[in-house]
């Protein structure tokens, strides 16, 4: 085996971010703490990527030793970044899963306002797809099942809290 090739790693994704039409950050998650440790460095990197990609028709960019796959929708730009040696198809599968999952959650209305109104669902989707840079899931239907399971299986309402306390009190008094 060639000694210059990096060791295989599960830590495929270095960053995920969503920018609006003006290049402003709506969501970002950086999984490599050494990559861009400060907020200023992250925003500079995002700005450079946006300037290179917002008018391009491609799906892949190479910048600053990174492989970046991206997709745009109405007034949003979705980015998934990996190392220079990373397989573009793996990164693209993450990007497609993210986009399709959000499309379902936002009811095919993938635009800035809708994304901001449903940010907790968006964050859940990102966390179901990637954990610490490791790809957990690339099937949008599986992601949606997990997100819906969490939201619907254990609804926390005043009634359920009161019922739980009543049951606990009944057990302690008996």
Protein backbone atom coordinates (compact mmCIF):
# COMPACT_ATOMS: atom_id res chain seq x y z
CA UNK A 1 0.00 0.00 0.00
CA UNK A 2 1.23 3.52 -0.76
CA UNK A 3 2.67 5.15 2.37
CA UNK A 4 1.45 8.63 1.35
CA UNK A 5 -2.25 7.75 1.36
CA UNK A 6 -4.08 8.60 4.58
CA UNK A 7 -5.44 5.94 6.88
CA UNK A 8 -9.11 5.15 6.25
CA UNK A 9 -11.39 6.86 8.73
CA UNK A 10 -15.03 6.90 9.67
CA UNK A 11 -14.76 10.66 10.19
CA UNK A 12 -15.89 11.48 6.68
CA UNK A 13 -17.64 14.84 7.11
CA UNK A 14 -15.65 17.86 8.26
CA UNK A 15 -18.51 20.38 8.13
CA UNK A 16 -22.13 20.91 7.14
CA UNK A 17 -23.56 24.37 6.62
CA UNK A 18 -26.54 26.10 5.07
CA UNK A 19 -26.25 29.64 3.73
CA UNK A 20 -28.86 32.01 2.35
CA UNK A 21 -28.74 33.83 -1.02
CA UNK A 22 -26.47 36.51 0.43
CA UNK A 23 -23.99 34.02 1.88
CA UNK A 24 -25.19 34.50 5.45
CA UNK A 25 -24.97 31.50 7.76
CA UNK A 26 -28.28 29.92 8.78
CA UNK A 27 -26.85 26.71 10.18
CA UNK A 28 -23.37 25.28 10.52
CA UNK A 29 -21.74 22.33 12.22
CA UNK A 30 -18.00 21.78 12.15
CA UNK A 31 -16.90 18.31 13.18
CA UNK A 32 -13.11 18.80 13.13
CA UNK A 33 -12.14 21.20 15.94
CA UNK A 34 -8.70 21.80 14.43
CA UNK A 35 -10.04 22.71 10.99
CA UNK A 36 -11.44 26.19 11.69
CA UNK A 37 -11.36 26.67 15.46
CA UNK A 38 -12.72 30.23 15.58
CA UNK A 39 -16.01 31.64 14.39
CA UNK A 40 -14.11 34.19 12.28
CA UNK A 41 -12.18 31.44 10.44
CA UNK A 42 -15.40 29.48 9.86
CA UNK A 43 -17.21 32.50 8.42
CA UNK A 44 -14.24 33.34 6.18
CA UNK A 45 -14.20 29.76 4.88
CA UNK A 46 -17.98 29.87 4.28
CA UNK A 47 -17.67 33.21 2.51
CA UNK A 48 -14.91 31.86 0.23
CA UNK A 49 -16.98 28.78 -0.59
CA UNK A 50 -20.09 30.85 -1.25
CA UNK A 51 -18.19 33.25 -3.55
CA UNK A 52 -16.82 30.31 -5.51
CA UNK A 53 -20.09 28.37 -5.80
CA UNK A 54 -23.12 30.67 -5.76
CA UNK A 55 -22.97 31.31 -9.53
CA UNK A 56 -21.54 27.95 -10.58
CA UNK A 57 -23.48 25.08 -12.07
CA UNK A 58 -21.29 22.36 -10.59
CA UNK A 59 -21.99 20.15 -7.60
CA UNK A 60 -18.41 19.78 -6.37
CA UNK A 61 -15.78 22.34 -5.40
CA UNK A 62 -12.23 22.01 -4.15
CA UNK A 63 -10.99 24.77 -1.89
CA UNK A 64 -8.44 25.08 0.92
CA UNK A 65 -7.62 21.37 0.77
CA UNK A 66 -11.27 20.40 1.13
CA UNK A 67 -13.76 18.59 -1.07
CA UNK A 68 -17.11 20.36 -0.91
CA UNK A 69 -20.36 19.16 -2.42
CA UNK A 70 -23.25 21.58 -2.62
CA UNK A 71 -26.78 22.11 -3.82
CA UNK A 72 -29.02 25.16 -4.06
CA UNK A 73 -32.75 25.52 -3.62
CA UNK A 74 -34.72 28.72 -4.10
CA UNK A 75 -32.84 30.98 -1.64
CA UNK A 76 -30.66 28.42 0.18
CA UNK A 77 -27.29 26.79 -0.41
CA UNK A 78 -26.51 23.44 1.26
CA UNK A 79 -22.87 22.40 1.73
CA UNK A 80 -21.14 19.25 2.96
CA UNK A 81 -17.35 19.38 3.30
CA UNK A 82 -14.82 16.59 3.64
CA UNK A 83 -11.06 16.19 3.33
CA UNK A 84 -9.35 16.45 -0.06
CA UNK A 85 -9.08 12.65 -0.29
CA UNK A 86 -12.72 12.03 0.61
CA UNK A 87 -14.99 10.17 -1.77
CA UNK A 88 -17.31 12.71 -3.42
CA UNK A 89 -20.07 10.11 -3.71
CA UNK A 90 -20.11 9.61 0.06
CA UNK A 91 -20.37 13.34 0.64
CA UNK A 92 -23.05 13.62 -2.05
CA UNK A 93 -25.10 10.87 -0.40
CA UNK A 94 -25.03 12.89 2.84
CA UNK A 95 -26.03 16.05 0.99
CA UNK A 96 -28.89 14.31 -0.84
CA UNK A 97 -30.12 12.70 2.37
CA UNK A 98 -30.06 16.08 4.14
CA UNK A 99 -31.88 17.82 1.29
CA UNK A 100 -34.53 15.10 0.84
CA UNK A 101 -35.16 14.82 4.58
CA UNK A 102 -35.57 18.58 4.92
CA UNK A 103 -37.77 18.66 1.86
CA UNK A 104 -40.14 16.21 3.58
CA UNK A 105 -40.07 17.99 6.94
CA UNK A 106 -40.60 21.39 5.32
CA UNK A 107 -43.34 19.94 3.08
CA UNK A 108 -41.43 20.56 -0.18
CA UNK A 109 -41.08 24.23 0.82
CA UNK A 110 -37.27 24.34 1.13
CA UNK A 111 -36.69 28.07 1.53
CA UNK A 112 -35.17 30.41 4.09
CA UNK A 113 -38.31 31.37 6.03
CA UNK A 114 -39.54 27.80 6.31
CA UNK A 115 -36.10 26.57 7.38
CA UNK A 116 -35.82 29.20 10.12
CA UNK A 117 -39.34 28.46 11.36
CA UNK A 118 -38.48 24.75 11.70
CA UNK A 119 -34.88 24.99 12.91
CA UNK A 120 -35.31 22.39 15.70
CA UNK A 121 -36.39 19.80 13.12
CA UNK A 122 -33.53 20.79 10.83
CA UNK A 123 -31.01 20.30 13.65
CA UNK A 124 -32.53 16.92 14.50
CA UNK A 125 -32.17 15.83 10.88
CA UNK A 126 -28.52 16.90 10.73
CA UNK A 127 -27.81 15.05 13.99
CA UNK A 128 -29.49 11.88 12.71
CA UNK A 129 -27.41 11.91 9.52
CA UNK A 130 -24.01 12.85 11.01
CA UNK A 131 -22.55 12.39 14.48
CA UNK A 132 -19.16 13.92 15.13
CA UNK A 133 -18.24 13.66 11.44
CA UNK A 134 -19.31 10.02 11.15
CA UNK A 135 -22.09 9.29 8.65
CA UNK A 136 -24.87 7.48 10.52
CA UNK A 137 -27.56 7.41 7.87
CA UNK A 138 -27.92 8.19 4.18
CA UNK A 139 -31.53 7.09 3.64
CA UNK A 140 -33.99 9.99 4.04
CA UNK A 141 -36.87 7.65 4.98
CA UNK A 142 -34.85 6.20 7.87
CA UNK A 143 -33.94 9.69 9.06
CA UNK A 144 -37.58 10.78 8.95
CA UNK A 145 -38.68 7.71 10.87
CA UNK A 146 -36.13 8.39 13.61
CA UNK A 147 -36.99 12.09 13.84
CA UNK A 148 -40.73 11.38 13.93
CA UNK A 149 -40.20 8.63 16.48
CA UNK A 150 -38.50 11.08 18.79
CA UNK A 151 -41.10 13.76 18.29
CA UNK A 152 -44.22 11.59 18.46
CA UNK A 153 -43.28 8.71 20.72
CA UNK A 154 -42.68 10.73 23.85
CA UNK A 155 -44.73 13.90 23.65
CA UNK A 156 -44.19 16.01 26.74
CA UNK A 157 -47.37 17.86 27.59
CA UNK A 158 -48.77 19.24 30.84
CA UNK A 159 -51.20 16.34 30.95
CA UNK A 160 -48.52 13.68 30.57
CA UNK A 161 -46.33 15.34 33.22
CA UNK A 162 -49.26 15.61 35.63
CA UNK A 163 -50.20 11.98 34.93
CA UNK A 164 -46.62 10.85 35.54
CA UNK A 165 -46.45 12.72 38.87
CA UNK A 166 -49.81 11.31 39.94
CA UNK A 167 -48.64 7.76 39.14
CA UNK A 168 -45.40 8.29 41.08
CA UNK A 169 -47.29 9.68 44.09
CA UNK A 170 -49.69 6.74 44.01
CA UNK A 171 -46.75 4.31 44.04
CA UNK A 172 -45.05 6.04 46.96
CA UNK A 173 -48.20 6.19 49.11
CA UNK A 174 -49.01 2.51 48.61
